[in-house]
Amino acid sequence: MLSLAASVNARTLRELFANRNFLALLIGQWASYTGDQFTLIAAIPAISALTGGNTFIAAGVAIALALPQIVFGLIGGVLVDRLDRRKAMVVTDLVRGFAVGALIFVNSAELVWIYFVAAFLVGLCGTLFSRLALLHCLPSSRGGSWRLPTRCWKRGSSSR
């Protein structure tokens, strides 16, 4: 079996980018990732303003974001193999959206804990979603054909 890198050439890239499902997933993820990063960048001065410049709290939010990636990064593939991929991708994106949307309610130092919860959920859902999208939705070369739509939206636990 060829690895993904060994099987990529100009023809297969054209086929991949001609696939509307893949393009929708790719563009959606670029937009979502960009929004997540801008939100987290904006969180640092917002937390600083709410807490009177307490850098430990801002560092705690960064740790809350990184912790799920560290803890669940290695076992994320095992976890997502047990889930219905399509539902799991929708749920993880919705949870990320609600977590980031909850930040609008943080208007005092007493509510800064919402940043910790939101950062943890964004990190957790991002880790699981990236495992779903990258490990199970990117096409593999089997018999010379790219099978993105059936692999990406297929129900069941098989990753082949």
N, C-alpha and C. Protein backbone atom coordinates (compact mmCIF):
# COMPACT_ATOMS: atom_id res chain seq x y z
N MET A 1 0.85 -1.18 0.00
CA MET A 1 0.00 0.00 0.00
C MET A 1 0.89 1.24 0.00
N LEU A 2 0.58 2.18 -0.83
CA LEU A 2 1.34 3.42 -0.91
C LEU A 2 0.91 4.37 0.19
N SER A 3 1.85 5.18 0.64
CA SER A 3 1.49 6.22 1.60
C SER A 3 0.81 7.36 0.83
N LEU A 4 0.15 8.24 1.56
CA LEU A 4 -0.54 9.35 0.93
C LEU A 4 0.44 10.23 0.15
N ALA A 5 1.59 10.52 0.75
CA ALA A 5 2.57 11.39 0.08
C ALA A 5 3.10 10.75 -1.19
N ALA A 6 3.30 9.45 -1.17
CA ALA A 6 3.84 8.77 -2.35
C ALA A 6 2.83 8.68 -3.48
N SER A 7 1.53 8.76 -3.15
CA SER A 7 0.51 8.58 -4.18
C SER A 7 -0.02 9.90 -4.73
N VAL A 8 0.49 11.02 -4.26
CA VAL A 8 0.01 12.33 -4.72
C VAL A 8 0.78 12.75 -5.96
N ASN A 9 0.04 13.07 -7.01
CA ASN A 9 0.64 13.63 -8.21
C ASN A 9 -0.35 14.66 -8.76
N ALA A 10 -0.01 15.27 -9.88
CA ALA A 10 -0.86 16.35 -10.42
C ALA A 10 -2.26 15.87 -10.75
N ARG A 11 -2.40 14.69 -11.31
CA ARG A 11 -3.72 14.17 -11.67
C ARG A 11 -4.59 13.94 -10.43
N THR A 12 -4.00 13.33 -9.42
CA THR A 12 -4.78 13.05 -8.22
C THR A 12 -5.14 14.33 -7.47
N LEU A 13 -4.26 15.32 -7.51
CA LEU A 13 -4.59 16.61 -6.89
C LEU A 13 -5.74 17.29 -7.63
N ARG A 14 -5.75 17.21 -8.97
CA ARG A 14 -6.86 17.77 -9.74
C ARG A 14 -8.17 17.07 -9.37
N GLU A 15 -8.12 15.75 -9.26
CA GLU A 15 -9.31 14.99 -8.88
C GLU A 15 -9.77 15.37 -7.48
N LEU A 16 -8.84 15.53 -6.58
CA LEU A 16 -9.17 15.88 -5.20
C LEU A 16 -9.83 17.25 -5.13
N PHE A 17 -9.24 18.25 -5.79
CA PHE A 17 -9.80 19.60 -5.74
C PHE A 17 -11.03 19.76 -6.63
N ALA A 18 -11.30 18.81 -7.48
CA ALA A 18 -12.55 18.82 -8.26
C ALA A 18 -13.71 18.26 -7.44
N ASN A 19 -13.40 17.61 -6.33
CA ASN A 19 -14.42 17.02 -5.47
C ASN A 19 -15.05 18.12 -4.60
N ARG A 20 -16.34 18.39 -4.84
CA ARG A 20 -17.02 19.49 -4.12
C ARG A 20 -17.12 19.22 -2.62
N ASN A 21 -17.26 17.96 -2.22
CA ASN A 21 -17.33 17.64 -0.80
C ASN A 21 -16.01 17.99 -0.10
N PHE A 22 -14.91 17.65 -0.75
CA PHE A 22 -13.61 17.96 -0.17
C PHE A 22 -13.39 19.47 -0.10
N LEU A 23 -13.73 20.18 -1.17
CA LEU A 23 -13.55 21.64 -1.16
C LEU A 23 -14.39 22.30 -0.08
N ALA A 24 -15.63 21.84 0.10
CA ALA A 24 -16.48 22.40 1.15
C ALA A 24 -15.87 22.15 2.53
N LEU A 25 -15.36 20.95 2.75
CA LEU A 25 -14.71 20.62 4.02
C LEU A 25 -13.46 21.46 4.22
N LEU A 26 -12.65 21.58 3.19
CA LEU A 26 -11.40 22.33 3.29
C LEU A 26 -11.65 23.82 3.56
N ILE A 27 -12.53 24.43 2.80
CA ILE A 27 -12.82 25.86 2.98
C ILE A 27 -13.47 26.12 4.33
N GLY A 28 -14.39 25.25 4.71
CA GLY A 28 -15.02 25.39 6.03
C GLY A 28 -14.02 25.29 7.16
N GLN A 29 -13.08 24.37 7.04
CA GLN A 29 -12.08 24.22 8.09
C GLN A 29 -11.10 25.37 8.12
N TRP A 30 -10.73 25.89 6.97
CA TRP A 30 -9.86 27.08 6.96
C TRP A 30 -10.56 28.24 7.65
N ALA A 31 -11.81 28.46 7.33
CA ALA A 31 -12.56 29.57 7.95
C ALA A 31 -12.71 29.33 9.45
N SER A 32 -13.05 28.12 9.84
CA SER A 32 -13.23 27.81 11.26
C SER A 32 -11.93 27.95 12.03
N TYR A 33 -10.85 27.44 11.48
CA TYR A 33 -9.56 27.52 12.14
C TYR A 33 -9.11 28.96 12.28
N THR A 34 -9.29 29.75 11.22
CA THR A 34 -8.91 31.17 11.27
C THR A 34 -9.72 31.89 12.35
N GLY A 35 -11.01 31.63 12.41
CA GLY A 35 -11.85 32.25 13.43
C GLY A 35 -11.44 31.84 14.84
N ASP A 36 -11.14 30.55 15.03
CA ASP A 36 -10.68 30.07 16.34
C ASP A 36 -9.40 30.78 16.76
N GLN A 37 -8.47 30.92 15.84
CA GLN A 37 -7.20 31.55 16.18
C GLN A 37 -7.35 33.03 16.49
N PHE A 38 -8.18 33.74 15.71
CA PHE A 38 -8.42 35.16 16.01
C PHE A 38 -9.10 35.31 17.37
N THR A 39 -10.02 34.42 17.67
CA THR A 39 -10.72 34.48 18.96
C THR A 39 -9.73 34.28 20.11
N LEU A 40 -8.85 33.31 19.98
CA LEU A 40 -7.90 33.05 21.05
C LEU A 40 -6.85 34.15 21.17
N ILE A 41 -6.48 34.75 20.03
CA ILE A 41 -5.55 35.88 20.08
C ILE A 41 -6.22 37.07 20.77
N ALA A 42 -7.48 37.30 20.47
CA ALA A 42 -8.21 38.41 21.09
C ALA A 42 -8.51 38.14 22.56
N ALA A 43 -8.51 36.85 22.96
CA ALA A 43 -8.81 36.51 24.35
C ALA A 43 -7.74 37.02 25.30
N ILE A 44 -6.50 37.05 24.88
CA ILE A 44 -5.41 37.45 25.77
C ILE A 44 -5.57 38.89 26.24
N PRO A 45 -5.75 39.89 25.36
CA PRO A 45 -5.96 41.24 25.87
C PRO A 45 -7.28 41.40 26.61
N ALA A 46 -8.31 40.62 26.20
CA ALA A 46 -9.59 40.71 26.91
C ALA A 46 -9.45 40.20 28.34
N ILE A 47 -8.76 39.08 28.51
CA ILE A 47 -8.54 38.54 29.86
C ILE A 47 -7.68 39.49 30.67
N SER A 48 -6.67 40.04 30.03
CA SER A 48 -5.80 40.99 30.71
C SER A 48 -6.58 42.21 31.20
N ALA A 49 -7.48 42.71 30.37
CA ALA A 49 -8.28 43.88 30.77
C ALA A 49 -9.26 43.53 31.90
N LEU A 50 -9.82 42.34 31.85
CA LEU A 50 -10.79 41.95 32.88
C LEU A 50 -10.14 41.64 34.23
N THR A 51 -8.90 41.13 34.20
CA THR A 51 -8.26 40.69 35.44
C THR A 51 -7.18 41.65 35.92
N GLY A 52 -7.09 42.80 35.32
CA GLY A 52 -6.10 43.78 35.76
C GLY A 52 -4.67 43.41 35.37
N GLY A 53 -4.51 42.72 34.27
CA GLY A 53 -3.18 42.39 33.77
C GLY A 53 -2.59 41.11 34.33
N ASN A 54 -3.40 40.23 34.85
CA ASN A 54 -2.91 38.97 35.40
C ASN A 54 -2.52 38.02 34.27
N THR A 55 -1.21 37.86 34.08
CA THR A 55 -0.72 37.02 32.99
C THR A 55 -0.85 35.53 33.28
N PHE A 56 -0.96 35.16 34.55
CA PHE A 56 -1.12 33.75 34.89
C PHE A 56 -2.45 33.21 34.39
N ILE A 57 -3.47 34.03 34.42
CA ILE A 57 -4.78 33.59 33.93
C ILE A 57 -4.72 33.43 32.41
N ALA A 58 -4.07 34.34 31.71
CA ALA A 58 -3.93 34.21 30.26
C ALA A 58 -3.12 32.96 29.92
N ALA A 59 -2.08 32.68 30.67
CA ALA A 59 -1.30 31.46 30.46
C ALA A 59 -2.15 30.22 30.74
N GLY A 60 -3.02 30.31 31.74
CA GLY A 60 -3.92 29.19 32.05
C GLY A 60 -4.86 28.88 30.90
N VAL A 61 -5.33 29.90 30.21
CA VAL A 61 -6.19 29.68 29.05
C VAL A 61 -5.42 28.99 27.94
N ALA A 62 -4.17 29.39 27.74
CA ALA A 62 -3.34 28.74 26.73
C ALA A 62 -3.11 27.27 27.09
N ILE A 63 -2.91 26.98 28.37
CA ILE A 63 -2.74 25.59 28.81
C ILE A 63 -4.04 24.82 28.62
N ALA A 64 -5.17 25.45 28.93
CA ALA A 64 -6.47 24.79 28.75
C ALA A 64 -6.72 24.45 27.29
N LEU A 65 -6.19 25.25 26.39
CA LEU A 65 -6.32 24.97 24.96
C LEU A 65 -5.39 23.82 24.53
N ALA A 66 -4.19 23.79 25.07
CA ALA A 66 -3.20 22.79 24.67
C ALA A 66 -3.42 21.44 25.35
N LEU A 67 -3.98 21.43 26.54
CA LEU A 67 -4.14 20.19 27.30
C LEU A 67 -4.91 19.10 26.55
N PRO A 68 -6.04 19.39 25.92
CA PRO A 68 -6.73 18.32 25.19
C PRO A 68 -5.91 17.77 24.03
N GLN A 69 -5.12 18.61 23.40
CA GLN A 69 -4.28 18.15 22.30
C GLN A 69 -3.20 17.20 22.81
N ILE A 70 -2.69 17.48 23.99
CA ILE A 70 -1.67 16.62 24.58
C ILE A 70 -2.28 15.31 25.06
N VAL A 71 -3.41 15.40 25.76
CA VAL A 71 -4.02 14.21 26.35
C VAL A 71 -4.72 13.34 25.31
N PHE A 72 -5.48 13.97 24.43
CA PHE A 72 -6.30 13.20 23.48
C PHE A 72 -5.68 13.08 22.09
N GLY A 73 -4.56 13.74 21.85
CA GLY A 73 -3.95 13.70 20.53
C GLY A 73 -3.56 12.30 20.09
N LEU A 74 -3.00 11.54 21.01
CA LEU A 74 -2.55 10.19 20.65
C LEU A 74 -3.68 9.18 20.60
N ILE A 75 -4.68 9.35 21.44
CA ILE A 75 -5.77 8.37 21.47
C ILE A 75 -7.00 8.84 20.71
N GLY A 76 -6.91 10.02 20.11
CA GLY A 76 -8.05 10.57 19.37
C GLY A 76 -8.50 9.68 18.23
N GLY A 77 -7.56 9.07 17.54
CA GLY A 77 -7.90 8.18 16.43
C GLY A 77 -8.70 6.97 16.90
N VAL A 78 -8.33 6.44 18.06
CA VAL A 78 -9.06 5.29 18.62
C VAL A 78 -10.47 5.72 19.02
N LEU A 79 -10.58 6.91 19.61
CA LEU A 79 -11.90 7.40 20.02
C LEU A 79 -12.82 7.62 18.84
N VAL A 80 -12.32 8.25 17.80
CA VAL A 80 -13.19 8.58 16.67
C VAL A 80 -13.52 7.38 15.82
N ASP A 81 -12.72 6.31 15.91
CA ASP A 81 -13.07 5.08 15.19
C ASP A 81 -14.36 4.47 15.71
N ARG A 82 -14.72 4.78 16.93
CA ARG A 82 -15.91 4.21 17.55
C ARG A 82 -17.16 5.05 17.31
N LEU A 83 -17.01 6.17 16.62
CA LEU A 83 -18.12 7.11 16.44
C LEU A 83 -18.61 7.12 15.00
N ASP A 84 -19.84 7.52 14.82
CA ASP A 84 -20.36 7.81 13.49
C ASP A 84 -19.69 9.11 13.04
N ARG A 85 -18.89 9.03 12.00
CA ARG A 85 -18.03 10.15 11.63
C ARG A 85 -18.80 11.40 11.28
N ARG A 86 -19.85 11.25 10.50
CA ARG A 86 -20.59 12.44 10.07
C ARG A 86 -21.20 13.15 11.26
N LYS A 87 -21.86 12.41 12.14
CA LYS A 87 -22.46 13.02 13.33
C LYS A 87 -21.40 13.63 14.24
N ALA A 88 -20.30 12.91 14.40
CA ALA A 88 -19.24 13.40 15.28
C ALA A 88 -18.62 14.69 14.74
N MET A 89 -18.45 14.79 13.42
CA MET A 89 -17.91 16.01 12.84
C MET A 89 -18.86 17.19 13.06
N VAL A 90 -20.16 16.95 12.89
CA VAL A 90 -21.14 18.01 13.09
C VAL A 90 -21.19 18.42 14.56
N VAL A 91 -21.21 17.43 15.46
CA VAL A 91 -21.30 17.73 16.89
C VAL A 91 -20.06 18.49 17.37
N THR A 92 -18.87 18.05 16.95
CA THR A 92 -17.66 18.74 17.42
C THR A 92 -17.62 20.18 16.91
N ASP A 93 -18.07 20.41 15.69
CA ASP A 93 -18.10 21.78 15.18
C ASP A 93 -19.14 22.62 15.91
N LEU A 94 -20.29 22.05 16.21
CA LEU A 94 -21.32 22.79 16.97
C LEU A 94 -20.84 23.12 18.38
N VAL A 95 -20.19 22.17 19.04
CA VAL A 95 -19.68 22.43 20.40
C VAL A 95 -18.64 23.54 20.36
N ARG A 96 -17.75 23.50 19.36
CA ARG A 96 -16.76 24.59 19.23
C ARG A 96 -17.45 25.93 19.03
N GLY A 97 -18.48 25.94 18.19
CA GLY A 97 -19.21 27.18 17.94
C GLY A 97 -19.88 27.72 19.20
N PHE A 98 -20.53 26.85 19.96
CA PHE A 98 -21.17 27.29 21.21
C PHE A 98 -20.14 27.73 22.24
N ALA A 99 -19.00 27.04 22.30
CA ALA A 99 -17.95 27.41 23.26
C ALA A 99 -17.41 28.80 22.95
N VAL A 100 -17.14 29.05 21.69
CA VAL A 100 -16.64 30.38 21.32
C VAL A 100 -17.74 31.42 21.47
N GLY A 101 -18.98 31.06 21.15
CA GLY A 101 -20.10 31.99 21.31
C GLY A 101 -20.36 32.35 22.76
N ALA A 102 -20.04 31.44 23.69
CA ALA A 102 -20.24 31.73 25.12
C ALA A 102 -19.32 32.84 25.61
N LEU A 103 -18.25 33.11 24.90
CA LEU A 103 -17.31 34.15 25.33
C LEU A 103 -17.94 35.53 25.31
N ILE A 104 -19.03 35.69 24.59
CA ILE A 104 -19.70 37.00 24.55
C ILE A 104 -20.27 37.39 25.91
N PHE A 105 -20.49 36.39 26.78
CA PHE A 105 -21.06 36.66 28.09
C PHE A 105 -20.02 37.00 29.15
N VAL A 106 -18.75 36.93 28.81
CA VAL A 106 -17.69 37.24 29.77
C VAL A 106 -17.51 38.75 29.80
N ASN A 107 -17.99 39.36 30.88
CA ASN A 107 -17.87 40.81 31.01
C ASN A 107 -17.33 41.24 32.36
N SER A 108 -16.87 40.28 33.17
CA SER A 108 -16.28 40.61 34.46
C SER A 108 -15.25 39.55 34.84
N ALA A 109 -14.41 39.87 35.83
CA ALA A 109 -13.37 38.94 36.26
C ALA A 109 -13.95 37.66 36.83
N GLU A 110 -15.16 37.73 37.38
CA GLU A 110 -15.79 36.53 37.96
C GLU A 110 -16.19 35.52 36.88
N LEU A 111 -16.35 35.96 35.66
CA LEU A 111 -16.77 35.08 34.57
C LEU A 111 -15.62 34.64 33.67
N VAL A 112 -14.39 34.94 34.05
CA VAL A 112 -13.23 34.58 33.24
C VAL A 112 -13.09 33.06 33.13
N TRP A 113 -13.65 32.32 34.07
CA TRP A 113 -13.59 30.85 34.02
C TRP A 113 -14.21 30.32 32.72
N ILE A 114 -15.11 31.10 32.11
CA ILE A 114 -15.72 30.67 30.85
C ILE A 114 -14.65 30.55 29.76
N TYR A 115 -13.63 31.41 29.82
CA TYR A 115 -12.53 31.31 28.86
C TYR A 115 -11.81 29.96 28.99
N PHE A 116 -11.62 29.49 30.22
CA PHE A 116 -10.96 28.21 30.43
C PHE A 116 -11.77 27.07 29.83
N VAL A 117 -13.06 27.06 30.11
CA VAL A 117 -13.94 26.02 29.59
C VAL A 117 -13.99 26.07 28.07
N ALA A 118 -14.13 27.28 27.53
CA ALA A 118 -14.20 27.43 26.08
C ALA A 118 -12.90 26.99 25.42
N ALA A 119 -11.77 27.38 25.99
CA ALA A 119 -10.48 26.98 25.42
C ALA A 119 -10.31 25.47 25.47
N PHE A 120 -10.72 24.84 26.57
CA PHE A 120 -10.61 23.38 26.67
C PHE A 120 -11.50 22.71 25.62
N LEU A 121 -12.74 23.18 25.48
CA LEU A 121 -13.66 22.58 24.51
C LEU A 121 -13.19 22.80 23.07
N VAL A 122 -12.68 23.99 22.78
CA VAL A 122 -12.15 24.26 21.43
C VAL A 122 -10.98 23.33 21.15
N GLY A 123 -10.09 23.16 22.13
CA GLY A 123 -8.95 22.26 21.95
C GLY A 123 -9.38 20.81 21.79
N LEU A 124 -10.33 20.37 22.62
CA LEU A 124 -10.81 18.99 22.55
C LEU A 124 -11.52 18.71 21.24
N CYS A 125 -12.46 19.58 20.89
CA CYS A 125 -13.21 19.36 19.64
C CYS A 125 -12.32 19.52 18.42
N GLY A 126 -11.38 20.44 18.48
CA GLY A 126 -10.45 20.60 17.37
C GLY A 126 -9.58 19.38 17.19
N THR A 127 -9.13 18.79 18.30
CA THR A 127 -8.32 17.58 18.23
C THR A 127 -9.12 16.42 17.66
N LEU A 128 -10.32 16.21 18.17
CA LEU A 128 -11.15 15.11 17.68
C LEU A 128 -11.58 15.34 16.24
N PHE A 129 -11.95 16.59 15.92
CA PHE A 129 -12.40 16.89 14.56
C PHE A 129 -11.27 16.70 13.57
N SER A 130 -10.07 17.16 13.94
CA SER A 130 -8.95 16.99 13.01
C SER A 130 -8.64 15.52 12.80
N ARG A 131 -8.81 14.71 13.85
CA ARG A 131 -8.62 13.27 13.68
C ARG A 131 -9.68 12.72 12.72
N LEU A 132 -10.91 13.16 12.89
CA LEU A 132 -11.97 12.69 12.00
C LEU A 132 -11.70 13.12 10.57
N ALA A 133 -11.41 14.39 10.39
CA ALA A 133 -11.24 14.93 9.05
C ALA A 133 -9.98 14.41 8.37
N LEU A 134 -8.88 14.40 9.10
CA LEU A 134 -7.61 14.04 8.46
C LEU A 134 -7.39 12.54 8.38
N LEU A 135 -7.71 11.83 9.43
CA LEU A 135 -7.45 10.39 9.41
C LEU A 135 -8.48 9.60 8.63
N HIS A 136 -9.70 10.11 8.55
CA HIS A 136 -10.76 9.31 7.95
C HIS A 136 -11.38 9.91 6.71
N CYS A 137 -11.14 11.16 6.44
CA CYS A 137 -11.78 11.78 5.29
C CYS A 137 -10.83 12.07 4.15
N LEU A 138 -9.56 12.16 4.43
CA LEU A 138 -8.64 12.35 3.32
C LEU A 138 -8.61 11.08 2.50
N PRO A 139 -8.56 11.21 1.22
CA PRO A 139 -8.61 10.03 0.37
C PRO A 139 -7.35 9.20 0.49
N SER A 140 -7.50 7.94 0.27
CA SER A 140 -6.34 7.06 0.20
C SER A 140 -6.33 6.44 -1.19
N SER A 141 -5.18 6.06 -1.62
CA SER A 141 -5.06 5.46 -2.93
C SER A 141 -5.20 3.95 -2.76
N ARG A 142 -6.30 3.42 -3.28
CA ARG A 142 -6.51 1.98 -3.23
C ARG A 142 -6.99 1.57 -4.62
N GLY A 143 -6.18 0.83 -5.27
CA GLY A 143 -6.55 0.43 -6.62
C GLY A 143 -6.53 1.60 -7.59
N GLY A 144 -5.75 2.65 -7.28
CA GLY A 144 -5.60 3.76 -8.19
C GLY A 144 -6.75 4.76 -8.15
N SER A 145 -7.71 4.60 -7.24
CA SER A 145 -8.82 5.56 -7.23
C SER A 145 -8.90 6.27 -5.89
N TRP A 146 -9.37 7.50 -5.93
CA TRP A 146 -9.55 8.29 -4.72
C TRP A 146 -11.00 8.15 -4.31
N ARG A 147 -11.25 7.84 -3.06
CA ARG A 147 -12.60 7.56 -2.60
C ARG A 147 -13.01 8.50 -1.49
N LEU A 148 -12.91 9.76 -1.71
CA LEU A 148 -13.23 10.72 -0.66
C LEU A 148 -14.69 10.70 -0.21
N PRO A 149 -15.66 10.81 -1.10
CA PRO A 149 -17.03 10.91 -0.60
C PRO A 149 -17.47 9.71 0.22
N THR A 150 -17.14 8.51 -0.21
CA THR A 150 -17.59 7.34 0.54
C THR A 150 -16.81 7.19 1.83
N ARG A 151 -15.54 7.55 1.84
CA ARG A 151 -14.76 7.45 3.07
C ARG A 151 -15.18 8.52 4.06
N CYS A 152 -15.46 9.70 3.57
CA CYS A 152 -15.72 10.81 4.47
C CYS A 152 -17.08 10.71 5.14
N TRP A 153 -18.07 10.24 4.45
CA TRP A 153 -19.41 10.25 5.02
C TRP A 153 -19.93 8.85 5.29
N LYS A 154 -19.07 7.87 5.19
CA LYS A 154 -19.46 6.48 5.41
C LYS A 154 -19.81 6.25 6.88
N ARG A 155 -20.86 5.50 7.13
CA ARG A 155 -21.22 5.13 8.49
C ARG A 155 -20.48 3.86 8.86
N GLY A 156 -20.27 3.70 10.14
CA GLY A 156 -19.62 2.48 10.62
C GLY A 156 -18.28 2.78 11.22
N SER A 157 -17.62 1.75 11.74
CA SER A 157 -16.38 1.98 12.47
C SER A 157 -15.13 1.63 11.68
N SER A 158 -15.27 1.11 10.50
CA SER A 158 -14.10 0.73 9.72
C SER A 158 -13.45 1.96 9.12
N SER A 159 -12.15 2.07 9.25
CA SER A 159 -11.45 3.21 8.67
C SER A 159 -10.81 2.85 7.34
N ARG A 160 -11.15 1.72 6.78
CA ARG A 160 -10.61 1.30 5.48
C ARG A 160 -11.63 1.50 4.40
